[in-house]
């Protein structure tokens, strides 16, 4: 594994842990996609994160429009 990928894994792992901690009582999966997932990112690349939510999830916890 390249140093570039290793240097980005720790912060992304912490981000995933934060999502899962906040949503610990919910049926969710956290996905990383885009250039960072493919290892094709540059220092200014954004982080693309997706959530797959199960039935019964409190959508107010994940609604960013309110």
N, C-alpha and C. Protein backbone atom coordinates (compact mmCIF):
# COMPACT_ATOMS: atom_id res chain seq x y z
N UNK A 1 0.85 -1.17 0.00
CA UNK A 1 0.00 0.00 0.00
C UNK A 1 0.90 1.23 0.00
N UNK A 2 0.56 2.22 -0.81
CA UNK A 2 1.40 3.40 -0.93
C UNK A 2 1.29 4.28 0.31
N UNK A 3 2.34 5.11 0.53
CA UNK A 3 2.32 6.05 1.65
C UNK A 3 1.16 7.02 1.53
N UNK A 4 0.84 7.42 0.30
CA UNK A 4 -0.27 8.35 0.06
C UNK A 4 -1.57 7.79 0.61
N UNK A 5 -1.83 6.53 0.32
CA UNK A 5 -3.07 5.90 0.79
C UNK A 5 -3.02 5.68 2.30
N UNK A 6 -1.87 5.26 2.82
CA UNK A 6 -1.75 5.04 4.26
C UNK A 6 -1.99 6.32 5.05
N UNK A 7 -1.49 7.46 4.53
CA UNK A 7 -1.65 8.73 5.22
C UNK A 7 -3.09 9.20 5.29
N UNK A 8 -3.93 8.74 4.38
CA UNK A 8 -5.33 9.18 4.37
C UNK A 8 -6.24 8.20 5.10
N UNK A 9 -5.80 6.98 5.32
CA UNK A 9 -6.67 5.98 5.93
C UNK A 9 -7.06 6.30 7.36
N UNK A 10 -6.11 6.77 8.17
CA UNK A 10 -6.43 7.03 9.58
C UNK A 10 -7.52 8.08 9.74
N UNK A 11 -7.41 9.27 9.10
CA UNK A 11 -8.51 10.25 9.25
C UNK A 11 -9.84 9.73 8.72
N UNK A 12 -9.82 8.95 7.65
CA UNK A 12 -11.07 8.41 7.11
C UNK A 12 -11.67 7.38 8.06
N UNK A 13 -10.82 6.60 8.70
CA UNK A 13 -11.30 5.64 9.69
C UNK A 13 -11.96 6.38 10.85
N UNK A 14 -11.35 7.48 11.30
CA UNK A 14 -11.92 8.27 12.39
C UNK A 14 -13.25 8.89 11.97
N UNK A 15 -13.35 9.33 10.72
CA UNK A 15 -14.61 9.89 10.21
C UNK A 15 -15.70 8.82 10.24
N UNK A 16 -15.37 7.63 9.77
CA UNK A 16 -16.33 6.52 9.78
C UNK A 16 -16.77 6.21 11.20
N UNK A 17 -15.81 6.16 12.14
CA UNK A 17 -16.14 5.89 13.53
C UNK A 17 -17.08 6.96 14.10
N UNK A 18 -16.86 8.22 13.72
CA UNK A 18 -17.72 9.31 14.20
C UNK A 18 -19.15 9.14 13.68
N UNK A 19 -19.28 8.81 12.39
CA UNK A 19 -20.61 8.56 11.83
C UNK A 19 -21.29 7.41 12.57
N UNK A 20 -20.58 6.31 12.73
CA UNK A 20 -21.18 5.13 13.37
C UNK A 20 -21.49 5.37 14.83
N UNK A 21 -20.67 6.17 15.52
CA UNK A 21 -20.94 6.49 16.91
C UNK A 21 -22.20 7.34 17.03
N UNK A 22 -22.33 8.34 16.16
CA UNK A 22 -23.50 9.20 16.17
C UNK A 22 -24.78 8.42 15.84
N UNK A 23 -24.64 7.45 14.95
CA UNK A 23 -25.79 6.66 14.49
C UNK A 23 -25.79 5.25 15.08
N UNK A 24 -25.21 5.09 16.26
CA UNK A 24 -24.99 3.75 16.83
C UNK A 24 -26.25 2.93 17.04
N UNK A 25 -27.36 3.59 17.24
CA UNK A 25 -28.60 2.85 17.46
C UNK A 25 -29.40 2.65 16.17
N UNK A 26 -28.81 2.99 15.05
CA UNK A 26 -29.50 2.93 13.76
C UNK A 26 -28.89 1.85 12.87
N UNK A 27 -29.68 1.37 11.94
CA UNK A 27 -29.23 0.38 10.95
C UNK A 27 -28.65 1.13 9.75
N UNK A 28 -27.34 1.43 9.81
CA UNK A 28 -26.70 2.19 8.72
C UNK A 28 -25.37 1.55 8.33
N UNK A 29 -24.98 1.80 7.11
CA UNK A 29 -23.66 1.44 6.60
C UNK A 29 -23.05 2.72 6.05
N UNK A 30 -21.75 2.90 6.30
CA UNK A 30 -21.03 4.07 5.82
C UNK A 30 -20.13 3.63 4.68
N UNK A 31 -20.23 4.35 3.55
CA UNK A 31 -19.44 4.01 2.36
C UNK A 31 -18.56 5.17 1.96
N UNK A 32 -17.35 4.87 1.57
CA UNK A 32 -16.44 5.84 0.97
C UNK A 32 -16.41 5.55 -0.52
N UNK A 33 -16.57 6.59 -1.33
CA UNK A 33 -16.50 6.39 -2.77
C UNK A 33 -15.77 7.56 -3.41
N UNK A 34 -15.62 7.54 -4.69
CA UNK A 34 -14.93 8.62 -5.39
C UNK A 34 -13.42 8.42 -5.43
N UNK A 35 -12.72 9.51 -5.66
CA UNK A 35 -11.27 9.44 -5.87
C UNK A 35 -10.52 8.91 -4.66
N UNK A 36 -10.97 9.22 -3.46
CA UNK A 36 -10.26 8.72 -2.27
C UNK A 36 -10.42 7.21 -2.13
N UNK A 37 -11.58 6.70 -2.46
CA UNK A 37 -11.79 5.25 -2.40
C UNK A 37 -10.95 4.53 -3.44
N UNK A 38 -10.77 5.18 -4.59
CA UNK A 38 -9.98 4.57 -5.66
C UNK A 38 -8.48 4.80 -5.50
N UNK A 39 -8.09 5.67 -4.55
CA UNK A 39 -6.67 5.97 -4.36
C UNK A 39 -6.14 6.92 -5.42
N UNK A 40 -7.03 7.68 -6.06
CA UNK A 40 -6.65 8.59 -7.15
C UNK A 40 -6.82 10.06 -6.75
N UNK A 41 -6.74 10.36 -5.47
CA UNK A 41 -7.01 11.69 -4.98
C UNK A 41 -5.76 12.56 -4.97
N UNK A 42 -6.00 13.86 -4.88
CA UNK A 42 -4.94 14.84 -4.67
C UNK A 42 -5.26 15.56 -3.36
N UNK A 43 -4.36 16.42 -2.90
CA UNK A 43 -4.54 17.04 -1.59
C UNK A 43 -5.81 17.87 -1.49
N UNK A 44 -6.32 18.36 -2.59
CA UNK A 44 -7.53 19.20 -2.56
C UNK A 44 -8.81 18.40 -2.85
N UNK A 45 -8.70 17.10 -2.99
CA UNK A 45 -9.88 16.28 -3.27
C UNK A 45 -10.84 16.27 -2.08
N UNK A 46 -12.12 16.27 -2.38
CA UNK A 46 -13.11 16.17 -1.32
C UNK A 46 -13.24 14.72 -0.87
N UNK A 47 -14.04 14.51 0.15
CA UNK A 47 -14.30 13.17 0.67
C UNK A 47 -15.75 12.85 0.36
N UNK A 48 -15.97 11.81 -0.42
CA UNK A 48 -17.32 11.39 -0.80
C UNK A 48 -17.76 10.26 0.12
N UNK A 49 -18.79 10.53 0.92
CA UNK A 49 -19.28 9.57 1.89
C UNK A 49 -20.76 9.33 1.62
N UNK A 50 -21.14 8.07 1.63
CA UNK A 50 -22.54 7.72 1.46
C UNK A 50 -23.03 6.93 2.65
N UNK A 51 -24.30 7.07 2.94
CA UNK A 51 -24.93 6.29 4.00
C UNK A 51 -26.03 5.43 3.39
N UNK A 52 -26.03 4.17 3.72
CA UNK A 52 -27.12 3.28 3.36
C UNK A 52 -27.89 3.04 4.65
N UNK A 53 -29.14 3.45 4.64
CA UNK A 53 -29.94 3.37 5.86
C UNK A 53 -30.99 2.28 5.74
N UNK A 54 -31.20 1.58 6.82
CA UNK A 54 -32.21 0.53 6.86
C UNK A 54 -33.57 1.10 7.22
N UNK A 55 -34.53 0.21 7.26
CA UNK A 55 -35.89 0.59 7.66
C UNK A 55 -35.90 1.06 9.11
N UNK A 56 -36.71 2.04 9.38
CA UNK A 56 -36.89 2.50 10.76
C UNK A 56 -35.83 3.46 11.25
N UNK A 57 -34.90 3.88 10.39
CA UNK A 57 -33.87 4.83 10.80
C UNK A 57 -34.51 6.19 11.03
N UNK A 58 -34.08 6.84 12.11
CA UNK A 58 -34.56 8.19 12.41
C UNK A 58 -33.93 9.15 11.40
N UNK A 59 -34.65 9.46 10.36
CA UNK A 59 -34.11 10.27 9.26
C UNK A 59 -33.76 11.69 9.68
N UNK A 60 -34.29 12.14 10.80
CA UNK A 60 -33.92 13.46 11.29
C UNK A 60 -32.44 13.53 11.65
N UNK A 61 -31.86 12.39 12.01
CA UNK A 61 -30.44 12.36 12.35
C UNK A 61 -29.55 12.54 11.12
N UNK A 62 -30.06 12.20 9.95
CA UNK A 62 -29.22 12.27 8.76
C UNK A 62 -29.66 13.34 7.77
N UNK A 63 -30.73 14.08 8.11
CA UNK A 63 -31.25 15.13 7.23
C UNK A 63 -30.42 16.40 7.43
N UNK A 64 -29.67 16.79 6.39
CA UNK A 64 -28.82 17.97 6.49
C UNK A 64 -29.53 19.25 6.04
N UNK A 65 -30.80 19.15 5.71
CA UNK A 65 -31.52 20.32 5.21
C UNK A 65 -32.23 21.09 6.31
N UNK A 66 -32.23 20.55 7.51
CA UNK A 66 -32.94 21.25 8.60
C UNK A 66 -31.98 21.89 9.55
